[in-house]
PDB file of N, CA and C in Angstrom:
ATOM      1  N   UNK A   1      31.807   1.661  90.187  1.00  0.00           N
ATOM      2  CA  UNK A   1      30.636   0.854  90.467  1.00  0.00           C
ATOM      3  C   UNK A   1      30.870  -0.523  89.858  1.00  0.00           C
ATOM      4  N   UNK A   2      30.637  -1.573  90.665  1.00  0.00           N
ATOM      5  CA  UNK A   2      30.850  -2.932  90.202  1.00  0.00           C
ATOM      6  C   UNK A   2      29.701  -3.455  89.358  1.00  0.00           C
ATOM      7  N   UNK A   3      29.957  -4.573  88.720  1.00  0.00           N
ATOM      8  CA  UNK A   3      28.939  -5.190  87.870  1.00  0.00           C
ATOM      9  C   UNK A   3      27.695  -5.551  88.664  1.00  0.00           C
ATOM     10  N   UNK A   4      27.888  -6.067  89.874  1.00  0.00           N
ATOM     11  CA  UNK A   4      26.745  -6.426  90.696  1.00  0.00           C
ATOM     12  C   UNK A   4      25.907  -5.190  91.006  1.00  0.00           C
ATOM     13  N   UNK A   5      26.575  -4.073  91.268  1.00  0.00           N
ATOM     14  CA  UNK A   5      25.835  -2.840  91.537  1.00  0.00           C
ATOM     15  C   UNK A   5      24.983  -2.453  90.346  1.00  0.00           C
ATOM     16  N   UNK A   6      25.523  -2.658  89.151  1.00  0.00           N
ATOM     17  CA  UNK A   6      24.768  -2.339  87.947  1.00  0.00           C
ATOM     18  C   UNK A   6      23.555  -3.251  87.829  1.00  0.00           C
ATOM     19  N   UNK A   7      23.750  -4.551  88.050  1.00  0.00           N
ATOM     20  CA  UNK A   7      22.652  -5.511  87.946  1.00  0.00           C
ATOM     21  C   UNK A   7      21.584  -5.189  88.980  1.00  0.00           C
ATOM     22  N   UNK A   8      21.987  -4.959  90.235  1.00  0.00           N
ATOM     23  CA  UNK A   8      21.023  -4.651  91.285  1.00  0.00           C
ATOM     24  C   UNK A   8      20.358  -3.316  90.999  1.00  0.00           C
ATOM     25  N   UNK A   9      21.129  -2.328  90.499  1.00  0.00           N
ATOM     26  CA  UNK A   9      20.572  -1.028  90.171  1.00  0.00           C
ATOM     27  C   UNK A   9      19.502  -1.126  89.113  1.00  0.00           C
ATOM     28  N   UNK A  10      19.715  -2.003  88.125  1.00  0.00           N
ATOM     29  CA  UNK A  10      18.708  -2.188  87.078  1.00  0.00           C
ATOM     30  C   UNK A  10      17.446  -2.792  87.662  1.00  0.00           C
ATOM     31  N   UNK A  11      17.587  -3.690  88.611  1.00  0.00           N
ATOM     32  CA  UNK A  11      16.411  -4.294  89.226  1.00  0.00           C
ATOM     33  C   UNK A  11      15.655  -3.271  90.052  1.00  0.00           C
ATOM     34  N   UNK A  12      16.373  -2.396  90.755  1.00  0.00           N
ATOM     35  CA  UNK A  12      15.723  -1.364  91.551  1.00  0.00           C
ATOM     36  C   UNK A  12      14.995  -0.395  90.642  1.00  0.00           C
ATOM     37  N   UNK A  13      15.657   0.005  89.549  1.00  0.00           N
ATOM     38  CA  UNK A  13      15.004   0.947  88.648  1.00  0.00           C
ATOM     39  C   UNK A  13      13.811   0.321  87.937  1.00  0.00           C
ATOM     40  N   UNK A  14      13.796  -1.008  87.871  1.00  0.00           N
ATOM     41  CA  UNK A  14      12.660  -1.684  87.250  1.00  0.00           C
ATOM     42  C   UNK A  14      11.487  -1.810  88.219  1.00  0.00           C
ATOM     43  N   UNK A  15      11.655  -1.261  89.430  1.00  0.00           N
ATOM     44  CA  UNK A  15      10.560  -1.240  90.378  1.00  0.00           C
ATOM     45  C   UNK A  15      10.474  -2.471  91.259  1.00  0.00           C
ATOM     46  N   UNK A  16      11.566  -3.214  91.372  1.00  0.00           N
ATOM     47  CA  UNK A  16      11.524  -4.418  92.189  1.00  0.00           C
ATOM     48  C   UNK A  16      11.891  -4.137  93.640  1.00  0.00           C
ATOM     49  N   UNK A  17      12.157  -2.900  93.985  1.00  0.00           N
ATOM     50  CA  UNK A  17      12.432  -2.539  95.363  1.00  0.00           C
ATOM     51  C   UNK A  17      13.905  -2.611  95.696  1.00  0.00           C
ATOM     52  N   UNK A  18      14.243  -2.081  96.857  1.00  0.00           N
ATOM     53  CA  UNK A  18      15.625  -2.066  97.308  1.00  0.00           C
ATOM     54  C   UNK A  18      15.980  -3.386  97.965  1.00  0.00           C
ATOM     55  N   UNK A  19      17.249  -3.782  97.817  1.00  0.00           N
ATOM     56  CA  UNK A  19      17.732  -4.973  98.499  1.00  0.00           C
ATOM     57  C   UNK A  19      18.840  -4.569  99.445  1.00  0.00           C
ATOM     58  N   UNK A  20      18.926  -5.244 100.575  1.00  0.00           N
ATOM     59  CA  UNK A  20      19.995  -4.968 101.524  1.00  0.00           C
ATOM     60  C   UNK A  20      21.214  -5.799 101.147  1.00  0.00           C
ATOM     61  N   UNK A  21      22.349  -5.488 101.771  1.00  0.00           N
ATOM     62  CA  UNK A  21      23.579  -6.222 101.485  1.00  0.00           C
ATOM     63  C   UNK A  21      23.393  -7.695 101.800  1.00  0.00           C
ATOM     64  N   UNK A  22      22.740  -8.015 102.899  1.00  0.00           N
ATOM     65  CA  UNK A  22      22.502  -9.411 103.267  1.00  0.00           C
ATOM     66  C   UNK A  22      21.657 -10.142 102.236  1.00  0.00           C
ATOM     67  N   UNK A  23      20.655  -9.472 101.700  1.00  0.00           N
ATOM     68  CA  UNK A  23      19.808 -10.085 100.683  1.00  0.00           C
ATOM     69  C   UNK A  23      20.585 -10.303  99.387  1.00  0.00           C
ATOM     70  N   UNK A  24      21.485  -9.378  99.043  1.00  0.00           N
ATOM     71  CA  UNK A  24      22.269  -9.513  97.815  1.00  0.00           C
ATOM     72  C   UNK A  24      23.210 -10.704  97.887  1.00  0.00           C
ATOM     73  N   UNK A  25      23.711 -11.033  99.078  1.00  0.00           N
ATOM     74  CA  UNK A  25      24.614 -12.168  99.215  1.00  0.00           C
ATOM     75  C   UNK A  25      23.932 -13.459  98.784  1.00  0.00           C
ATOM     76  N   UNK A  26      22.638 -13.556  98.999  1.00  0.00           N
ATOM     77  CA  UNK A  26      21.902 -14.772  98.684  1.00  0.00           C
ATOM     78  C   UNK A  26      21.067 -14.627  97.410  1.00  0.00           C
ATOM     79  N   UNK A  27      21.217 -13.499  96.744  1.00  0.00           N
ATOM     80  CA  UNK A  27      20.453 -13.279  95.516  1.00  0.00           C
ATOM     81  C   UNK A  27      20.920 -14.262  94.443  1.00  0.00           C
ATOM     82  N   UNK A  28      19.961 -14.904  93.789  1.00  0.00           N
ATOM     83  CA  UNK A  28      20.273 -15.853  92.731  1.00  0.00           C
ATOM     84  C   UNK A  28      19.947 -15.226  91.382  1.00  0.00           C
ATOM     85  N   UNK A  29      20.901 -15.305  90.470  1.00  0.00           N
ATOM     86  CA  UNK A  29      20.740 -14.736  89.143  1.00  0.00           C
ATOM     87  C   UNK A  29      20.641 -15.855  88.119  1.00  0.00           C
ATOM     88  N   UNK A  30      19.909 -15.616  87.061  1.00  0.00           N
ATOM     89  CA  UNK A  30      19.780 -16.605  85.994  1.00  0.00           C
ATOM     90  C   UNK A  30      20.993 -16.515  85.065  1.00  0.00           C
ATOM     91  N   UNK A  31      21.150 -17.535  84.248  1.00  0.00           N
ATOM     92  CA  UNK A  31      22.230 -17.538  83.257  1.00  0.00           C
ATOM     93  C   UNK A  31      22.058 -16.348  82.324  1.00  0.00           C
ATOM     94  N   UNK A  32      20.848 -16.043  81.917  1.00  0.00           N
ATOM     95  CA  UNK A  32      20.584 -14.904  81.036  1.00  0.00           C
ATOM     96  C   UNK A  32      21.004 -13.599  81.699  1.00  0.00           C
ATOM     97  N   UNK A  33      20.680 -13.422  82.985  1.00  0.00           N
ATOM     98  CA  UNK A  33      21.060 -12.195  83.690  1.00  0.00           C
ATOM     99  C   UNK A  33      22.575 -12.054  83.769  1.00  0.00           C
ATOM    100  N   UNK A  34      23.259 -13.166  84.026  1.00  0.00           N
ATOM    101  CA  UNK A  34      24.725 -13.148  84.087  1.00  0.00           C
ATOM    102  C   UNK A  34      25.287 -12.792  82.710  1.00  0.00           C
ATOM    103  N   UNK A  35      24.763 -13.427  81.669  1.00  0.00           N
ATOM    104  CA  UNK A  35      25.236 -13.169  80.306  1.00  0.00           C
ATOM    105  C   UNK A  35      25.017 -11.706  79.930  1.00  0.00           C
ATOM    106  N   UNK A  36      23.853 -11.170  80.230  1.00  0.00           N
ATOM    107  CA  UNK A  36      23.566  -9.772  79.915  1.00  0.00           C
ATOM    108  C   UNK A  36      24.494  -8.836  80.671  1.00  0.00           C
ATOM    109  N   UNK A  37      24.720  -9.105  81.943  1.00  0.00           N
ATOM    110  CA  UNK A  37      25.572  -8.252  82.763  1.00  0.00           C
ATOM    111  C   UNK A  37      27.027  -8.287  82.284  1.00  0.00           C
ATOM    112  N   UNK A  38      27.493  -9.469  81.857  1.00  0.00           N
ATOM    113  CA  UNK A  38      28.871  -9.618  81.396  1.00  0.00           C
ATOM    114  C   UNK A  38      29.013  -9.297  79.911  1.00  0.00           C
ATOM    115  N   UNK A  39      27.882  -9.122  79.222  1.00  0.00           N
ATOM    116  CA  UNK A  39      27.859  -8.860  77.773  1.00  0.00           C
ATOM    117  C   UNK A  39      28.536  -9.989  76.998  1.00  0.00           C
ATOM    118  N   UNK A  40      28.140 -11.208  77.357  1.00  0.00           N
ATOM    119  CA  UNK A  40      28.590 -12.411  76.653  1.00  0.00           C
ATOM    120  C   UNK A  40      27.361 -13.245  76.331  1.00  0.00           C
ATOM    121  N   UNK A  41      27.551 -14.327  75.595  1.00  0.00           N
ATOM    122  CA  UNK A  41      26.419 -15.191  75.266  1.00  0.00           C
ATOM    123  C   UNK A  41      26.104 -16.113  76.449  1.00  0.00           C
ATOM    124  N   UNK A  42      24.899 -16.658  76.437  1.00  0.00           N
ATOM    125  CA  UNK A  42      24.543 -17.614  77.487  1.00  0.00           C
ATOM    126  C   UNK A  42      25.425 -18.856  77.385  1.00  0.00           C
ATOM    127  N   UNK A  43      25.836 -19.221  76.158  1.00  0.00           N
ATOM    128  CA  UNK A  43      26.710 -20.385  75.979  1.00  0.00           C
ATOM    129  C   UNK A  43      28.038 -20.177  76.706  1.00  0.00           C
ATOM    130  N   UNK A  44      28.562 -18.957  76.696  1.00  0.00           N
ATOM    131  CA  UNK A  44      29.800 -18.662  77.416  1.00  0.00           C
ATOM    132  C   UNK A  44      29.606 -18.878  78.910  1.00  0.00           C
ATOM    133  N   UNK A  45      28.469 -18.462  79.435  1.00  0.00           N
ATOM    134  CA  UNK A  45      28.191 -18.652  80.865  1.00  0.00           C
ATOM    135  C   UNK A  45      28.087 -20.147  81.177  1.00  0.00           C
ATOM    136  N   UNK A  46      27.391 -20.905  80.327  1.00  0.00           N
ATOM    137  CA  UNK A  46      27.300 -22.352  80.533  1.00  0.00           C
ATOM    138  C   UNK A  46      28.683 -23.002  80.502  1.00  0.00           C
ATOM    139  N   UNK A  47      29.547 -22.546  79.610  1.00  0.00           N
ATOM    140  CA  UNK A  47      30.910 -23.086  79.545  1.00  0.00           C
ATOM    141  C   UNK A  47      31.681 -22.797  80.823  1.00  0.00           C
ATOM    142  N   UNK A  48      31.528 -21.593  81.369  1.00  0.00           N
ATOM    143  CA  UNK A  48      32.192 -21.242  82.625  1.00  0.00           C
ATOM    144  C   UNK A  48      31.690 -22.127  83.764  1.00  0.00           C
ATOM    145  N   UNK A  49      30.400 -22.401  83.765  1.00  0.00           N
ATOM    146  CA  UNK A  49      29.823 -23.262  84.795  1.00  0.00           C
ATOM    147  C   UNK A  49      30.370 -24.680  84.660  1.00  0.00           C
ATOM    148  N   UNK A  50      30.339 -25.230  83.436  1.00  0.00           N
ATOM    149  CA  UNK A  50      30.830 -26.598  83.209  1.00  0.00           C
ATOM    150  C   UNK A  50      32.305 -26.746  83.536  1.00  0.00           C
ATOM    151  N   UNK A  51      33.090 -25.693  83.279  1.00  0.00           N
ATOM    152  CA  UNK A  51      34.524 -25.723  83.548  1.00  0.00           C
ATOM    153  C   UNK A  51      34.824 -25.581  85.041  1.00  0.00           C
ATOM    154  N   UNK A  52      33.807 -25.224  85.824  1.00  0.00           N
ATOM    155  CA  UNK A  52      34.007 -25.052  87.258  1.00  0.00           C
ATOM    156  C   UNK A  52      34.541 -23.674  87.627  1.00  0.00           C
ATOM    157  N   UNK A  53      34.631 -22.786  86.656  1.00  0.00           N
ATOM    158  CA  UNK A  53      35.139 -21.444  86.907  1.00  0.00           C
ATOM    159  C   UNK A  53      34.107 -20.551  87.594  1.00  0.00           C
ATOM    160  N   UNK A  54      32.831 -20.820  87.322  1.00  0.00           N
ATOM    161  CA  UNK A  54      31.742 -20.029  87.900  1.00  0.00           C
ATOM    162  C   UNK A  54      30.806 -20.980  88.641  1.00  0.00           C
ATOM    163  N   UNK A  55      30.820 -20.927  89.983  1.00  0.00           N
ATOM    164  CA  UNK A  55      29.938 -21.821  90.746  1.00  0.00           C
ATOM    165  C   UNK A  55      28.470 -21.542  90.446  1.00  0.00           C
ATOM    166  N   UNK A  56      27.684 -22.602  90.375  1.00  0.00           N
ATOM    167  CA  UNK A  56      26.257 -22.458  90.088  1.00  0.00           C
ATOM    168  C   UNK A  56      25.466 -23.490  90.879  1.00  0.00           C
ATOM    169  N   UNK A  57      24.202 -23.194  91.054  1.00  0.00           N
ATOM    170  CA  UNK A  57      23.270 -24.085  91.740  1.00  0.00           C
ATOM    171  C   UNK A  57      22.289 -24.585  90.692  1.00  0.00           C
ATOM    172  N   UNK A  58      22.072 -25.867  90.662  1.00  0.00           N
ATOM    173  CA  UNK A  58      21.115 -26.412  89.707  1.00  0.00           C
ATOM    174  C   UNK A  58      19.739 -26.475  90.367  1.00  0.00           C
ATOM    175  N   UNK A  59      18.762 -25.876  89.712  1.00  0.00           N
ATOM    176  CA  UNK A  59      17.384 -25.884  90.181  1.00  0.00           C
ATOM    177  C   UNK A  59      16.561 -26.503  89.060  1.00  0.00           C
ATOM    178  N   UNK A  60      16.235 -27.774  89.212  1.00  0.00           N
ATOM    179  CA  UNK A  60      15.551 -28.481  88.135  1.00  0.00           C
ATOM    180  C   UNK A  60      16.457 -28.557  86.924  1.00  0.00           C
ATOM    181  N   UNK A  61      15.993 -28.051  85.793  1.00  0.00           N
ATOM    182  CA  UNK A  61      16.779 -28.035  84.563  1.00  0.00           C
ATOM    183  C   UNK A  61      17.644 -26.779  84.437  1.00  0.00           C
ATOM    184  N   UNK A  62      17.472 -25.835  85.334  1.00  0.00           N
ATOM    185  CA  UNK A  62      18.093 -24.524  85.200  1.00  0.00           C
ATOM    186  C   UNK A  62      19.211 -24.313  86.204  1.00  0.00           C
ATOM    187  N   UNK A  63      20.098 -23.381  85.875  1.00  0.00           N
ATOM    188  CA  UNK A  63      21.168 -22.990  86.778  1.00  0.00           C
ATOM    189  C   UNK A  63      20.867 -21.623  87.361  1.00  0.00           C
ATOM    190  N   UNK A  64      21.291 -21.418  88.600  1.00  0.00           N
ATOM    191  CA  UNK A  64      21.238 -20.113  89.248  1.00  0.00           C
ATOM    192  C   UNK A  64      22.623 -19.848  89.808  1.00  0.00           C
ATOM    193  N   UNK A  65      23.043 -18.591  89.728  1.00  0.00           N
ATOM    194  CA  UNK A  65      24.359 -18.199  90.208  1.00  0.00           C
ATOM    195  C   UNK A  65      24.174 -17.169  91.301  1.00  0.00           C
ATOM    196  N   UNK A  66      24.867 -17.387  92.435  1.00  0.00           N
ATOM    197  CA  UNK A  66      24.812 -16.410  93.519  1.00  0.00           C
ATOM    198  C   UNK A  66      25.507 -15.138  93.068  1.00  0.00           C
ATOM    199  N   UNK A  67      24.940 -13.997  93.429  1.00  0.00           N
ATOM    200  CA  UNK A  67      25.535 -12.710  93.078  1.00  0.00           C
ATOM    201  C   UNK A  67      26.952 -12.615  93.631  1.00  0.00           C
ATOM    202  N   UNK A  68      27.183 -13.116  94.842  1.00  0.00           N
ATOM    203  CA  UNK A  68      28.525 -13.043  95.430  1.00  0.00           C
ATOM    204  C   UNK A  68      29.514 -13.913  94.661  1.00  0.00           C
ATOM    205  N   UNK A  69      29.046 -15.057  94.106  1.00  0.00           N
ATOM    206  CA  UNK A  69      29.934 -15.903  93.302  1.00  0.00           C
ATOM    207  C   UNK A  69      30.330 -15.197  92.008  1.00  0.00           C
ATOM    208  N   UNK A  70      29.400 -14.456  91.426  1.00  0.00           N
ATOM    209  CA  UNK A  70      29.726 -13.675  90.237  1.00  0.00           C
ATOM    210  C   UNK A  70      30.768 -12.618  90.584  1.00  0.00           C
ATOM    211  N   UNK A  71      30.568 -11.923  91.691  1.00  0.00           N
ATOM    212  CA  UNK A  71      31.539 -10.910  92.119  1.00  0.00           C
ATOM    213  C   UNK A  71      32.921 -11.515  92.313  1.00  0.00           C
ATOM    214  N   UNK A  72      32.977 -12.673  92.978  1.00  0.00           N
ATOM    215  CA  UNK A  72      34.262 -13.324  93.228  1.00  0.00           C
ATOM    216  C   UNK A  72      34.921 -13.754  91.923  1.00  0.00           C
ATOM    217  N   UNK A  73      34.134 -14.274  90.977  1.00  0.00           N
ATOM    218  CA  UNK A  73      34.676 -14.676  89.687  1.00  0.00           C
ATOM    219  C   UNK A  73      35.261 -13.470  88.959  1.00  0.00           C
ATOM    220  N   UNK A  74      34.495 -12.383  88.914  1.00  0.00           N
ATOM    221  CA  UNK A  74      34.960 -11.191  88.212  1.00  0.00           C
ATOM    222  C   UNK A  74      36.197 -10.596  88.878  1.00  0.00           C
ATOM    223  N   UNK A  75      36.231 -10.617  90.188  1.00  0.00           N
ATOM    224  CA  UNK A  75      37.399 -10.101  90.918  1.00  0.00           C
ATOM    225  C   UNK A  75      38.644 -10.917  90.580  1.00  0.00           C
ATOM    226  N   UNK A  76      38.483 -12.233  90.484  1.00  0.00           N
ATOM    227  CA  UNK A  76      39.613 -13.109  90.154  1.00  0.00           C
ATOM    228  C   UNK A  76      40.082 -12.893  88.713  1.00  0.00           C
ATOM    229  N   UNK A  77      39.178 -12.446  87.842  1.00  0.00           N
ATOM    230  CA  UNK A  77      39.527 -12.231  86.438  1.00  0.00           C
ATOM    231  C   UNK A  77      40.065 -10.831  86.171  1.00  0.00           C
ATOM    232  N   UNK A  78      39.983  -9.952  87.158  1.00  0.00           N
ATOM    233  CA  UNK A  78      40.401  -8.576  86.970  1.00  0.00           C
ATOM    234  C   UNK A  78      41.889  -8.523  86.682  1.00  0.00           C
ATOM    235  N   UNK A  79      42.231  -7.797  85.645  1.00  0.00           N
ATOM    236  CA  UNK A  79      43.598  -7.705  85.189  1.00  0.00           C
ATOM    237  C   UNK A  79      44.191  -6.391  85.662  1.00  0.00           C
ATOM    238  N   UNK A  80      45.438  -6.411  86.133  1.00  0.00           N
ATOM    239  CA  UNK A  80      46.073  -5.249  86.739  1.00  0.00           C
ATOM    240  C   UNK A  80      46.373  -4.095  85.798  1.00  0.00           C
ATOM    241  N   UNK A  81      46.619  -4.368  84.534  1.00  0.00           N
ATOM    242  CA  UNK A  81      46.937  -3.279  83.607  1.00  0.00           C
ATOM    243  C   UNK A  81      48.406  -2.903  83.668  1.00  0.00           C
ATOM    244  N   UNK A  82      48.683  -1.620  83.501  1.00  0.00           N
ATOM    245  CA  UNK A  82      50.068  -1.161  83.503  1.00  0.00           C
ATOM    246  C   UNK A  82      50.788  -1.586  82.251  1.00  0.00           C
ATOM    247  N   UNK A  83      51.854  -2.351  82.426  1.00  0.00           N
ATOM    248  CA  UNK A  83      52.640  -2.803  81.272  1.00  0.00           C
ATOM    249  C   UNK A  83      52.159  -4.180  80.799  1.00  0.00           C
ATOM    250  N   UNK A  84      50.872  -4.398  80.893  1.00  0.00           N
ATOM    251  CA  UNK A  84      50.304  -5.691  80.562  1.00  0.00           C
ATOM    252  C   UNK A  84      50.485  -6.058  79.090  1.00  0.00           C
ATOM    253  N   UNK A  85      50.361  -5.103  78.202  1.00  0.00           N
ATOM    254  CA  UNK A  85      50.480  -5.376  76.767  1.00  0.00           C
ATOM    255  C   UNK A  85      51.874  -4.979  76.299  1.00  0.00           C
ATOM    256  N   UNK A  86      52.548  -5.880  75.639  1.00  0.00           N
ATOM    257  CA  UNK A  86      53.881  -5.545  75.142  1.00  0.00           C
ATOM    258  C   UNK A  86      53.792  -4.493  74.033  1.00  0.00           C
ATOM    259  N   UNK A  87      54.830  -3.691  73.958  1.00  0.00           N
ATOM    260  CA  UNK A  87      54.877  -2.650  72.924  1.00  0.00           C
ATOM    261  C   UNK A  87      54.924  -3.305  71.538  1.00  0.00           C
ATOM    262  N   UNK A  88      54.264  -2.690  70.600  1.00  0.00           N
ATOM    263  CA  UNK A  88      54.204  -3.261  69.240  1.00  0.00           C
ATOM    264  C   UNK A  88      55.461  -2.995  68.464  1.00  0.00           C
TER     265      UNK A  88
END
């Protein structure tokens, strides 16, 4: 199960109703929601946005991140594993 599935699942369990795949593509998440889902600080999310690594939409003073952009960012950061760490 992907991170987006977890975020959407939490919203469904919170009683916000089901979302379709089309609705999820345009779903906008707050910096706090992204930080909570990634288990990082909001400052880390702001740094990713400023660095251009995580696309965001500015709405007034606030940023919103498309759920699909989060998925794409996480997919690009996914590490293959295997012999990734050298033997000690």
